[in-house]
């Protein structure tokens, strides 16, 4: 439920090391509020929908590239380079680990 997600967002924002990143947009152009945690040269960012508190995207950004371990001979990351990301289009409760939530909010899927 939205009220539970909102409470989780407020709790996350108060955790030690979490920084508020303010308004952001995900890779699909949806607007949200970002929070981040920086470790080992990478800032992990979560972008939340301000209306529902649903997670829109998670991304890893190189903020201290010299601290990021890379294999010998591999290219180093550039400052503010997005290393990886996941966009969440739909979320919901399903009946199995392979289930997919219905886009219209109908009954949960069983997956293939």
PDB file of N, CA and C in Angstrom:
ATOM      1  N   UNK A   1       0.819  -1.213   0.000  1.00  0.00           N
ATOM      2  CA  UNK A   1       0.000   0.000   0.000  1.00  0.00           C
ATOM      3  C   UNK A   1       0.858   1.271   0.000  1.00  0.00           C
ATOM      4  N   UNK A   2       0.310   2.331  -0.573  1.00  0.00           N
ATOM      5  CA  UNK A   2       1.048   3.588  -0.694  1.00  0.00           C
ATOM      6  C   UNK A   2       1.502   4.119   0.662  1.00  0.00           C
ATOM      7  N   UNK A   3       0.682   3.980   1.708  1.00  0.00           N
ATOM      8  CA  UNK A   3       1.063   4.528   3.014  1.00  0.00           C
ATOM      9  C   UNK A   3       2.265   3.785   3.607  1.00  0.00           C
ATOM     10  N   UNK A   4       2.367   2.499   3.323  1.00  0.00           N
ATOM     11  CA  UNK A   4       3.511   1.718   3.798  1.00  0.00           C
ATOM     12  C   UNK A   4       4.766   2.135   3.036  1.00  0.00           C
ATOM     13  N   UNK A   5       4.645   2.302   1.699  1.00  0.00           N
ATOM     14  CA  UNK A   5       5.793   2.756   0.905  1.00  0.00           C
ATOM     15  C   UNK A   5       6.240   4.138   1.360  1.00  0.00           C
ATOM     16  N   UNK A   6       5.305   5.026   1.670  1.00  0.00           N
ATOM     17  CA  UNK A   6       5.655   6.363   2.136  1.00  0.00           C
ATOM     18  C   UNK A   6       6.414   6.296   3.461  1.00  0.00           C
ATOM     19  N   UNK A   7       5.972   5.426   4.362  1.00  0.00           N
ATOM     20  CA  UNK A   7       6.671   5.264   5.645  1.00  0.00           C
ATOM     21  C   UNK A   7       8.069   4.696   5.419  1.00  0.00           C
ATOM     22  N   UNK A   8       8.209   3.752   4.495  1.00  0.00           N
ATOM     23  CA  UNK A   8       9.528   3.203   4.178  1.00  0.00           C
ATOM     24  C   UNK A   8      10.440   4.274   3.594  1.00  0.00           C
ATOM     25  N   UNK A   9       9.902   5.117   2.731  1.00  0.00           N
ATOM     26  CA  UNK A   9      10.695   6.212   2.162  1.00  0.00           C
ATOM     27  C   UNK A   9      11.203   7.137   3.264  1.00  0.00           C
ATOM     28  N   UNK A  10      10.322   7.505   4.187  1.00  0.00           N
ATOM     29  CA  UNK A  10      10.740   8.384   5.294  1.00  0.00           C
ATOM     30  C   UNK A  10      11.814   7.709   6.144  1.00  0.00           C
ATOM     31  N   UNK A  11      11.685   6.396   6.372  1.00  0.00           N
ATOM     32  CA  UNK A  11      12.683   5.664   7.149  1.00  0.00           C
ATOM     33  C   UNK A  11      14.018   5.624   6.401  1.00  0.00           C
ATOM     34  N   UNK A  12      13.987   5.328   5.100  1.00  0.00           N
ATOM     35  CA  UNK A  12      15.211   5.275   4.298  1.00  0.00           C
ATOM     36  C   UNK A  12      15.936   6.609   4.335  1.00  0.00           C
ATOM     37  N   UNK A  13      15.187   7.688   4.210  1.00  0.00           N
ATOM     38  CA  UNK A  13      15.780   9.022   4.169  1.00  0.00           C
ATOM     39  C   UNK A  13      16.510   9.365   5.473  1.00  0.00           C
ATOM     40  N   UNK A  14      16.134   8.739   6.572  1.00  0.00           N
ATOM     41  CA  UNK A  14      16.746   9.027   7.879  1.00  0.00           C
ATOM     42  C   UNK A  14      17.919   8.097   8.220  1.00  0.00           C
ATOM     43  N   UNK A  15      18.196   7.104   7.398  1.00  0.00           N
ATOM     44  CA  UNK A  15      19.283   6.170   7.676  1.00  0.00           C
ATOM     45  C   UNK A  15      20.636   6.876   7.586  1.00  0.00           C
ATOM     46  N   UNK A  16      21.590   6.476   8.443  1.00  0.00           N
ATOM     47  CA  UNK A  16      22.930   7.085   8.378  1.00  0.00           C
ATOM     48  C   UNK A  16      23.562   6.865   6.997  1.00  0.00           C
ATOM     49  N   UNK A  17      24.166   7.916   6.468  1.00  0.00           N
ATOM     50  CA  UNK A  17      24.845   7.823   5.180  1.00  0.00           C
ATOM     51  C   UNK A  17      23.966   8.100   3.984  1.00  0.00           C
ATOM     52  N   UNK A  18      22.655   8.150   4.175  1.00  0.00           N
ATOM     53  CA  UNK A  18      21.737   8.422   3.065  1.00  0.00           C
ATOM     54  C   UNK A  18      21.686   9.919   2.822  1.00  0.00           C
ATOM     55  N   UNK A  19      21.787  10.308   1.576  1.00  0.00           N
ATOM     56  CA  UNK A  19      21.676  11.729   1.246  1.00  0.00           C
ATOM     57  C   UNK A  19      20.483  11.965   0.333  1.00  0.00           C
ATOM     58  N   UNK A  20      19.773  13.034   0.595  1.00  0.00           N
ATOM     59  CA  UNK A  20      18.650  13.413  -0.244  1.00  0.00           C
ATOM     60  C   UNK A  20      19.212  14.068  -1.501  1.00  0.00           C
ATOM     61  N   UNK A  21      18.788  13.610  -2.673  1.00  0.00           N
ATOM     62  CA  UNK A  21      19.285  14.141  -3.941  1.00  0.00           C
ATOM     63  C   UNK A  21      18.276  15.047  -4.626  1.00  0.00           C
ATOM     64  N   UNK A  22      17.094  15.183  -4.017  1.00  0.00           N
ATOM     65  CA  UNK A  22      16.087  16.088  -4.557  1.00  0.00           C
ATOM     66  C   UNK A  22      15.396  15.557  -5.799  1.00  0.00           C
ATOM     67  N   UNK A  23      14.761  16.451  -6.562  1.00  0.00           N
ATOM     68  CA  UNK A  23      14.016  16.050  -7.756  1.00  0.00           C
ATOM     69  C   UNK A  23      14.945  15.446  -8.811  1.00  0.00           C
ATOM     70  N   UNK A  24      14.514  14.351  -9.399  1.00  0.00           N
ATOM     71  CA  UNK A  24      15.265  13.660 -10.453  1.00  0.00           C
ATOM     72  C   UNK A  24      14.270  13.057 -11.429  1.00  0.00           C
ATOM     73  N   UNK A  25      14.771  12.614 -12.572  1.00  0.00           N
ATOM     74  CA  UNK A  25      13.942  11.885 -13.538  1.00  0.00           C
ATOM     75  C   UNK A  25      14.608  10.550 -13.822  1.00  0.00           C
ATOM     76  N   UNK A  26      13.797   9.524 -14.037  1.00  0.00           N
ATOM     77  CA  UNK A  26      14.355   8.212 -14.376  1.00  0.00           C
ATOM     78  C   UNK A  26      14.606   8.141 -15.883  1.00  0.00           C
ATOM     79  N   UNK A  27      15.085   6.999 -16.349  1.00  0.00           N
ATOM     80  CA  UNK A  27      15.421   6.817 -17.767  1.00  0.00           C
ATOM     81  C   UNK A  27      14.192   6.900 -18.677  1.00  0.00           C
ATOM     82  N   UNK A  28      12.995   6.750 -18.099  1.00  0.00           N
ATOM     83  CA  UNK A  28      11.766   6.867 -18.887  1.00  0.00           C
ATOM     84  C   UNK A  28      11.201   8.284 -18.859  1.00  0.00           C
ATOM     85  N   UNK A  29      11.878   9.197 -18.138  1.00  0.00           N
ATOM     86  CA  UNK A  29      11.422  10.578 -18.054  1.00  0.00           C
ATOM     87  C   UNK A  29      10.425  10.846 -16.946  1.00  0.00           C
ATOM     88  N   UNK A  30      10.156   9.836 -16.107  1.00  0.00           N
ATOM     89  CA  UNK A  30       9.224  10.039 -14.995  1.00  0.00           C
ATOM     90  C   UNK A  30       9.934  10.817 -13.896  1.00  0.00           C
ATOM     91  N   UNK A  31       9.241  11.774 -13.316  1.00  0.00           N
ATOM     92  CA  UNK A  31       9.830  12.612 -12.272  1.00  0.00           C
ATOM     93  C   UNK A  31       9.648  11.987 -10.904  1.00  0.00           C
ATOM     94  N   UNK A  32      10.684  12.110 -10.083  1.00  0.00           N
ATOM     95  CA  UNK A  32      10.642  11.557  -8.746  1.00  0.00           C
ATOM     96  C   UNK A  32      11.607  12.263  -7.826  1.00  0.00           C
ATOM     97  N   UNK A  33      11.776  11.696  -6.636  1.00  0.00           N
ATOM     98  CA  UNK A  33      12.680  12.222  -5.618  1.00  0.00           C
ATOM     99  C   UNK A  33      13.774  11.182  -5.413  1.00  0.00           C
ATOM    100  N   UNK A  34      15.037  11.634  -5.431  1.00  0.00           N
ATOM    101  CA  UNK A  34      16.155  10.712  -5.314  1.00  0.00           C
ATOM    102  C   UNK A  34      16.802  10.720  -3.938  1.00  0.00           C
ATOM    103  N   UNK A  35      17.273   9.551  -3.529  1.00  0.00           N
ATOM    104  CA  UNK A  35      18.123   9.410  -2.348  1.00  0.00           C
ATOM    105  C   UNK A  35      19.314   8.559  -2.766  1.00  0.00           C
ATOM    106  N   UNK A  36      20.455   8.779  -2.107  1.00  0.00           N
ATOM    107  CA  UNK A  36      21.642   8.041  -2.493  1.00  0.00           C
ATOM    108  C   UNK A  36      22.477   7.608  -1.303  1.00  0.00           C
ATOM    109  N   UNK A  37      23.286   6.587  -1.532  1.00  0.00           N
ATOM    110  CA  UNK A  37      24.248   6.083  -0.559  1.00  0.00           C
ATOM    111  C   UNK A  37      25.531   5.815  -1.323  1.00  0.00           C
ATOM    112  N   UNK A  38      26.637   6.429  -0.881  1.00  0.00           N
ATOM    113  CA  UNK A  38      27.911   6.280  -1.572  1.00  0.00           C
ATOM    114  C   UNK A  38      28.819   5.328  -0.815  1.00  0.00           C
ATOM    115  N   UNK A  39      29.312   4.302  -1.527  1.00  0.00           N
ATOM    116  CA  UNK A  39      30.253   3.338  -0.981  1.00  0.00           C
ATOM    117  C   UNK A  39      31.193   2.913  -2.097  1.00  0.00           C
ATOM    118  N   UNK A  40      32.478   2.748  -1.765  1.00  0.00           N
ATOM    119  CA  UNK A  40      33.472   2.223  -2.708  1.00  0.00           C
ATOM    120  C   UNK A  40      33.484   2.992  -4.023  1.00  0.00           C
ATOM    121  N   UNK A  41      33.249   4.299  -3.951  1.00  0.00           N
ATOM    122  CA  UNK A  41      33.310   5.136  -5.136  1.00  0.00           C
ATOM    123  C   UNK A  41      32.052   5.179  -5.976  1.00  0.00           C
ATOM    124  N   UNK A  42      31.017   4.426  -5.564  1.00  0.00           N
ATOM    125  CA  UNK A  42      29.762   4.372  -6.331  1.00  0.00           C
ATOM    126  C   UNK A  42      28.612   4.885  -5.465  1.00  0.00           C
ATOM    127  N   UNK A  43      27.820   5.792  -6.029  1.00  0.00           N
ATOM    128  CA  UNK A  43      26.600   6.235  -5.352  1.00  0.00           C
ATOM    129  C   UNK A  43      25.445   5.402  -5.895  1.00  0.00           C
ATOM    130  N   UNK A  44      24.818   4.640  -5.001  1.00  0.00           N
ATOM    131  CA  UNK A  44      23.602   3.919  -5.359  1.00  0.00           C
ATOM    132  C   UNK A  44      22.438   4.867  -5.151  1.00  0.00           C
ATOM    133  N   UNK A  45      21.662   5.061  -6.189  1.00  0.00           N
ATOM    134  CA  UNK A  45      20.562   6.022  -6.188  1.00  0.00           C
ATOM    135  C   UNK A  45      19.235   5.288  -6.349  1.00  0.00           C
ATOM    136  N   UNK A  46      18.270   5.645  -5.509  1.00  0.00           N
ATOM    137  CA  UNK A  46      16.889   5.199  -5.685  1.00  0.00           C
ATOM    138  C   UNK A  46      16.057   6.424  -6.016  1.00  0.00           C
ATOM    139  N   UNK A  47      15.229   6.318  -7.039  1.00  0.00           N
ATOM    140  CA  UNK A  47      14.309   7.397  -7.402  1.00  0.00           C
ATOM    141  C   UNK A  47      12.902   6.913  -7.081  1.00  0.00           C
ATOM    142  N   UNK A  48      12.217   7.672  -6.230  1.00  0.00           N
ATOM    143  CA  UNK A  48      10.873   7.327  -5.779  1.00  0.00           C
ATOM    144  C   UNK A  48       9.839   8.221  -6.436  1.00  0.00           C
ATOM    145  N   UNK A  49       8.682   7.663  -6.749  1.00  0.00           N
ATOM    146  CA  UNK A  49       7.536   8.439  -7.222  1.00  0.00           C
ATOM    147  C   UNK A  49       7.009   9.227  -6.029  1.00  0.00           C
ATOM    148  N   UNK A  50       6.945  10.562  -6.105  1.00  0.00           N
ATOM    149  CA  UNK A  50       6.504  11.344  -4.949  1.00  0.00           C
ATOM    150  C   UNK A  50       5.031  11.141  -4.586  1.00  0.00           C
ATOM    151  N   UNK A  51       4.224  10.707  -5.536  1.00  0.00           N
ATOM    152  CA  UNK A  51       2.792  10.509  -5.262  1.00  0.00           C
ATOM    153  C   UNK A  51       2.524   9.181  -4.573  1.00  0.00           C
ATOM    154  N   UNK A  52       3.260   8.129  -4.955  1.00  0.00           N
ATOM    155  CA  UNK A  52       2.971   6.794  -4.430  1.00  0.00           C
ATOM    156  C   UNK A  52       4.104   6.217  -3.584  1.00  0.00           C
ATOM    157  N   UNK A  53       5.292   6.828  -3.643  1.00  0.00           N
ATOM    158  CA  UNK A  53       6.516   6.338  -2.992  1.00  0.00           C
ATOM    159  C   UNK A  53       7.037   5.048  -3.615  1.00  0.00           C
ATOM    160  N   UNK A  54       6.493   4.644  -4.761  1.00  0.00           N
ATOM    161  CA  UNK A  54       7.000   3.467  -5.460  1.00  0.00           C
ATOM    162  C   UNK A  54       8.388   3.774  -6.018  1.00  0.00           C
ATOM    163  N   UNK A  55       9.262   2.770  -6.036  1.00  0.00           N
ATOM    164  CA  UNK A  55      10.587   2.945  -6.623  1.00  0.00           C
ATOM    165  C   UNK A  55      10.440   2.947  -8.143  1.00  0.00           C
ATOM    166  N   UNK A  56      10.967   4.005  -8.782  1.00  0.00           N
ATOM    167  CA  UNK A  56      10.930   4.113 -10.234  1.00  0.00           C
ATOM    168  C   UNK A  56      12.200   3.543 -10.861  1.00  0.00           C
ATOM    169  N   UNK A  57      13.339   3.764 -10.183  1.00  0.00           N
ATOM    170  CA  UNK A  57      14.616   3.348 -10.754  1.00  0.00           C
ATOM    171  C   UNK A  57      15.668   3.212  -9.664  1.00  0.00           C
ATOM    172  N   UNK A  58      16.627   2.316  -9.911  1.00  0.00           N
ATOM    173  CA  UNK A  58      17.828   2.198  -9.091  1.00  0.00           C
ATOM    174  C   UNK A  58      19.011   2.290 -10.037  1.00  0.00           C
ATOM    175  N   UNK A  59      19.980   3.134  -9.691  1.00  0.00           N
ATOM    176  CA  UNK A  59      21.150   3.239 -10.540  1.00  0.00           C
ATOM    177  C   UNK A  59      22.414   3.388  -9.714  1.00  0.00           C
ATOM    178  N   UNK A  60      23.523   2.947 -10.289  1.00  0.00           N
ATOM    179  CA  UNK A  60      24.831   3.114  -9.684  1.00  0.00           C
ATOM    180  C   UNK A  60      25.613   4.136 -10.494  1.00  0.00           C
ATOM    181  N   UNK A  61      26.169   5.154  -9.815  1.00  0.00           N
ATOM    182  CA  UNK A  61      26.862   6.251 -10.487  1.00  0.00           C
ATOM    183  C   UNK A  61      28.284   6.360  -9.925  1.00  0.00           C
ATOM    184  N   UNK A  62      29.271   6.467 -10.804  1.00  0.00           N
ATOM    185  CA  UNK A  62      30.669   6.616 -10.378  1.00  0.00           C
ATOM    186  C   UNK A  62      30.890   8.043  -9.879  1.00  0.00           C
ATOM    187  N   UNK A  63      31.049   8.208  -8.566  1.00  0.00           N
ATOM    188  CA  UNK A  63      31.290   9.539  -8.008  1.00  0.00           C
ATOM    189  C   UNK A  63      32.738   9.714  -7.540  1.00  0.00           C
ATOM    190  N   UNK A  64      33.426   8.609  -7.319  1.00  0.00           N
ATOM    191  CA  UNK A  64      34.858   8.606  -6.996  1.00  0.00           C
ATOM    192  C   UNK A  64      35.483   7.477  -7.818  1.00  0.00           C
ATOM    193  N   UNK A  65      35.666   7.691  -9.138  1.00  0.00           N
ATOM    194  CA  UNK A  65      36.102   6.608 -10.021  1.00  0.00           C
ATOM    195  C   UNK A  65      37.394   5.914  -9.591  1.00  0.00           C
ATOM    196  N   UNK A  66      38.304   6.631  -8.966  1.00  0.00           N
ATOM    197  CA  UNK A  66      39.577   6.017  -8.577  1.00  0.00           C
ATOM    198  C   UNK A  66      39.392   4.962  -7.485  1.00  0.00           C
ATOM    199  N   UNK A  67      38.270   4.980  -6.775  1.00  0.00           N
ATOM    200  CA  UNK A  67      38.012   4.020  -5.710  1.00  0.00           C
ATOM    201  C   UNK A  67      37.283   2.760  -6.201  1.00  0.00           C
ATOM    202  N   UNK A  68      36.890   2.738  -7.462  1.00  0.00           N
ATOM    203  CA  UNK A  68      36.117   1.614  -7.989  1.00  0.00           C
ATOM    204  C   UNK A  68      37.083   0.559  -8.527  1.00  0.00           C
ATOM    205  N   UNK A  69      37.054  -0.641  -7.953  1.00  0.00           N
ATOM    206  CA  UNK A  69      37.956  -1.684  -8.459  1.00  0.00           C
ATOM    207  C   UNK A  69      37.530  -2.163  -9.847  1.00  0.00           C
ATOM    208  N   UNK A  70      38.507  -2.230 -10.749  1.00  0.00           N
ATOM    209  CA  UNK A  70      38.270  -2.773 -12.088  1.00  0.00           C
ATOM    210  C   UNK A  70      39.380  -3.775 -12.391  1.00  0.00           C
ATOM    211  N   UNK A  71      39.099  -4.770 -13.225  1.00  0.00           N
ATOM    212  CA  UNK A  71      40.137  -5.742 -13.581  1.00  0.00           C
ATOM    213  C   UNK A  71      41.311  -5.061 -14.294  1.00  0.00           C
ATOM    214  N   UNK A  72      42.509  -5.635 -14.177  1.00  0.00           N
ATOM    215  CA  UNK A  72      43.675  -5.060 -14.880  1.00  0.00           C
ATOM    216  C   UNK A  72      43.401  -4.922 -16.376  1.00  0.00           C
ATOM    217  N   UNK A  73      43.732  -3.771 -16.925  1.00  0.00           N
ATOM    218  CA  UNK A  73      43.547  -3.526 -18.357  1.00  0.00           C
ATOM    219  C   UNK A  73      42.154  -3.055 -18.738  1.00  0.00           C
ATOM    220  N   UNK A  74      41.200  -3.157 -17.810  1.00  0.00           N
ATOM    221  CA  UNK A  74      39.827  -2.707 -18.109  1.00  0.00           C
ATOM    222  C   UNK A  74      39.774  -1.184 -18.026  1.00  0.00           C
ATOM    223  N   UNK A  75      38.912  -0.569 -18.827  1.00  0.00           N
ATOM    224  CA  UNK A  75      38.810   0.895 -18.758  1.00  0.00           C
ATOM    225  C   UNK A  75      38.253   1.342 -17.407  1.00  0.00           C
ATOM    226  N   UNK A  76      38.743   2.470 -16.945  1.00  0.00           N
ATOM    227  CA  UNK A  76      38.256   3.052 -15.689  1.00  0.00           C
ATOM    228  C   UNK A  76      36.943   3.777 -15.964  1.00  0.00           C
ATOM    229  N   UNK A  77      36.123   3.887 -14.934  1.00  0.00           N
ATOM    230  CA  UNK A  77      34.876   4.631 -15.061  1.00  0.00           C
ATOM    231  C   UNK A  77      35.166   6.118 -15.023  1.00  0.00           C
ATOM    232  N   UNK A  78      34.317   6.899 -15.685  1.00  0.00           N
ATOM    233  CA  UNK A  78      34.431   8.357 -15.670  1.00  0.00           C
ATOM    234  C   UNK A  78      33.546   8.922 -14.557  1.00  0.00           C
ATOM    235  N   UNK A  79      33.903  10.102 -14.072  1.00  0.00           N
ATOM    236  CA  UNK A  79      33.126  10.792 -13.046  1.00  0.00           C
ATOM    237  C   UNK A  79      31.684  10.963 -13.518  1.00  0.00           C
ATOM    238  N   UNK A  80      30.737  10.589 -12.673  1.00  0.00           N
ATOM    239  CA  UNK A  80      29.291  10.688 -12.910  1.00  0.00           C
ATOM    240  C   UNK A  80      28.777   9.742 -13.998  1.00  0.00           C
ATOM    241  N   UNK A  81      29.590   8.773 -14.392  1.00  0.00           N
ATOM    242  CA  UNK A  81      29.135   7.770 -15.354  1.00  0.00           C
ATOM    243  C   UNK A  81      28.160   6.815 -14.668  1.00  0.00           C
ATOM    244  N   UNK A  82      27.034   6.544 -15.322  1.00  0.00           N
ATOM    245  CA  UNK A  82      26.089   5.557 -14.803  1.00  0.00           C
ATOM    246  C   UNK A  82      26.663   4.178 -15.123  1.00  0.00           C
ATOM    247  N   UNK A  83      26.932   3.414 -14.066  1.00  0.00           N
ATOM    248  CA  UNK A  83      27.557   2.098 -14.210  1.00  0.00           C
ATOM    249  C   UNK A  83      26.510   1.032 -14.521  1.00  0.00           C
ATOM    250  N   UNK A  84      25.371   1.120 -13.846  1.00  0.00           N
ATOM    251  CA  UNK A  84      24.282   0.169 -14.060  1.00  0.00           C
ATOM    252  C   UNK A  84      22.986   0.800 -13.575  1.00  0.00           C
ATOM    253  N   UNK A  85      21.875   0.281 -14.057  1.00  0.00           N
ATOM    254  CA  UNK A  85      20.582   0.793 -13.590  1.00  0.00           C
ATOM    255  C   UNK A  85      19.492  -0.234 -13.840  1.00  0.00           C
ATOM    256  N   UNK A  86      18.416  -0.089 -13.087  1.00  0.00           N
ATOM    257  CA  UNK A  86      17.213  -0.896 -13.263  1.00  0.00           C
ATOM    258  C   UNK A  86      16.027   0.044 -13.213  1.00  0.00           C
ATOM    259  N   UNK A  87      15.159  -0.020 -14.210  1.00  0.00           N
ATOM    260  CA  UNK A  87      13.936   0.780 -14.248  1.00  0.00           C
ATOM    261  C   UNK A  87      12.783  -0.134 -13.865  1.00  0.00           C
ATOM    262  N   UNK A  88      11.942   0.330 -12.942  1.00  0.00           N
ATOM    263  CA  UNK A  88      10.777  -0.444 -12.500  1.00  0.00           C
ATOM    264  C   UNK A  88       9.532   0.166 -13.111  1.00  0.00           C
ATOM    265  N   UNK A  89       8.918  -0.571 -14.044  1.00  0.00           N
ATOM    266  CA  UNK A  89       7.715  -0.064 -14.702  1.00  0.00           C
ATOM    267  C   UNK A  89       6.452  -0.463 -13.968  1.00  0.00           C
ATOM    268  N   UNK A  90       6.419  -1.679 -13.434  1.00  0.00           N
ATOM    269  CA  UNK A  90       5.245  -2.197 -12.755  1.00  0.00           C
ATOM    270  C   UNK A  90       5.698  -2.956 -11.527  1.00  0.00           C
ATOM    271  N   UNK A  91       4.967  -2.826 -10.451  1.00  0.00           N
ATOM    272  CA  UNK A  91       5.263  -3.619  -9.260  1.00  0.00           C
ATOM    273  C   UNK A  91       3.953  -4.089  -8.658  1.00  0.00           C
ATOM    274  N   UNK A  92       4.017  -5.171  -7.920  1.00  0.00           N
ATOM    275  CA  UNK A  92       2.821  -5.704  -7.295  1.00  0.00           C
ATOM    276  C   UNK A  92       3.084  -7.044  -6.663  1.00  0.00           C
ATOM    277  N   UNK A  93       2.081  -7.594  -6.039  1.00  0.00           N
ATOM    278  CA  UNK A  93       2.170  -8.893  -5.382  1.00  0.00           C
ATOM    279  C   UNK A  93       1.862  -9.982  -6.405  1.00  0.00           C
ATOM    280  N   UNK A  94       2.695 -11.018  -6.423  1.00  0.00           N
ATOM    281  CA  UNK A  94       2.490 -12.152  -7.315  1.00  0.00           C
ATOM    282  C   UNK A  94       2.508 -13.439  -6.506  1.00  0.00           C
ATOM    283  N   UNK A  95       2.127 -14.536  -7.131  1.00  0.00           N
ATOM    284  CA  UNK A  95       2.021 -15.818  -6.435  1.00  0.00           C
ATOM    285  C   UNK A  95       3.253 -16.701  -6.549  1.00  0.00           C
ATOM    286  N   UNK A  96       4.294 -16.250  -7.282  1.00  0.00           N
ATOM    287  CA  UNK A  96       5.492 -17.065  -7.437  1.00  0.00           C
ATOM    288  C   UNK A  96       6.681 -16.163  -7.737  1.00  0.00           C
ATOM    289  N   UNK A  97       7.889 -16.729  -7.662  1.00  0.00           N
ATOM    290  CA  UNK A  97       9.094 -15.941  -7.932  1.00  0.00           C
ATOM    291  C   UNK A  97       9.242 -15.618  -9.413  1.00  0.00           C
ATOM    292  N   UNK A  98       8.470 -16.250 -10.278  1.00  0.00           N
ATOM    293  CA  UNK A  98       8.519 -15.956 -11.707  1.00  0.00           C
ATOM    294  C   UNK A  98       7.284 -15.185 -12.170  1.00  0.00           C
ATOM    295  N   UNK A  99       6.385 -14.869 -11.246  1.00  0.00           N
ATOM    296  CA  UNK A  99       5.164 -14.155 -11.588  1.00  0.00           C
ATOM    297  C   UNK A  99       5.447 -12.726 -12.003  1.00  0.00           C
ATOM    298  N   UNK A 100       4.536 -12.175 -12.787  1.00  0.00           N
ATOM    299  CA  UNK A 100       4.640 -10.802 -13.262  1.00  0.00           C
ATOM    300  C   UNK A 100       3.382 -10.061 -12.831  1.00  0.00           C
ATOM    301  N   UNK A 101       3.532  -8.874 -12.179  1.00  0.00           N
ATOM    302  CA  UNK A 101       2.333  -8.136 -11.769  1.00  0.00           C
ATOM    303  C   UNK A 101       1.524  -7.680 -12.978  1.00  0.00           C
ATOM    304  N   UNK A 102       0.219  -7.646 -12.815  1.00  0.00           N
ATOM    305  CA  UNK A 102      -0.624  -7.164 -13.912  1.00  0.00           C
ATOM    306  C   UNK A 102      -0.511  -5.652 -13.981  1.00  0.00           C
ATOM    307  N   UNK A 103      -0.512  -5.116 -15.179  1.00  0.00           N
ATOM    308  CA  UNK A 103      -0.381  -3.672 -15.380  1.00  0.00           C
ATOM    309  C   UNK A 103      -1.617  -2.927 -14.908  1.00  0.00           C
ATOM    310  N   UNK A 104      -2.762  -3.578 -14.919  1.00  0.00           N
ATOM    311  CA  UNK A 104      -4.016  -2.904 -14.580  1.00  0.00           C
ATOM    312  C   UNK A 104      -4.404  -3.100 -13.121  1.00  0.00           C
ATOM    313  N   UNK A 105      -3.533  -3.732 -12.324  1.00  0.00           N
ATOM    314  CA  UNK A 105      -3.854  -3.918 -10.925  1.00  0.00           C
ATOM    315  C   UNK A 105      -4.807  -5.068 -10.673  1.00  0.00           C
ATOM    316  N   UNK A 106      -4.932  -5.963 -11.635  1.00  0.00           N
ATOM    317  CA  UNK A 106      -5.815  -7.128 -11.483  1.00  0.00           C
ATOM    318  C   UNK A 106      -5.174  -8.177 -10.607  1.00  0.00           C
ATOM    319  N   UNK A 107      -5.706  -9.413 -10.663  1.00  0.00           N
ATOM    320  CA  UNK A 107      -5.175 -10.474  -9.823  1.00  0.00           C
ATOM    321  C   UNK A 107      -3.726 -10.790 -10.192  1.00  0.00           C
ATOM    322  N   UNK A 108      -2.930 -11.295  -9.228  1.00  0.00           N
ATOM    323  CA  UNK A 108      -1.526 -11.586  -9.514  1.00  0.00           C
ATOM    324  C   UNK A 108      -1.374 -12.699 -10.551  1.00  0.00           C
ATOM    325  N   UNK A 109      -0.275 -12.613 -11.275  1.00  0.00           N
ATOM    326  CA  UNK A 109       0.043 -13.612 -12.284  1.00  0.00           C
ATOM    327  C   UNK A 109       0.827 -14.758 -11.653  1.00  0.00           C
ATOM    328  N   UNK A 110       0.750 -15.918 -12.276  1.00  0.00           N
ATOM    329  CA  UNK A 110       1.507 -17.081 -11.800  1.00  0.00           C
ATOM    330  C   UNK A 110       2.825 -17.237 -12.520  1.00  0.00           C
ATOM    331  N   UNK A 111       3.083 -16.502 -13.587  1.00  0.00           N
ATOM    332  CA  UNK A 111       4.337 -16.619 -14.332  1.00  0.00           C
ATOM    333  C   UNK A 111       4.391 -17.877 -15.160  1.00  0.00           C
ATOM    334  N   UNK A 112       5.483 -18.017 -15.910  1.00  0.00           N
ATOM    335  CA  UNK A 112       5.614 -19.182 -16.795  1.00  0.00           C
ATOM    336  C   UNK A 112       6.542 -20.206 -16.209  1.00  0.00           C
TER     337      UNK A 112
END
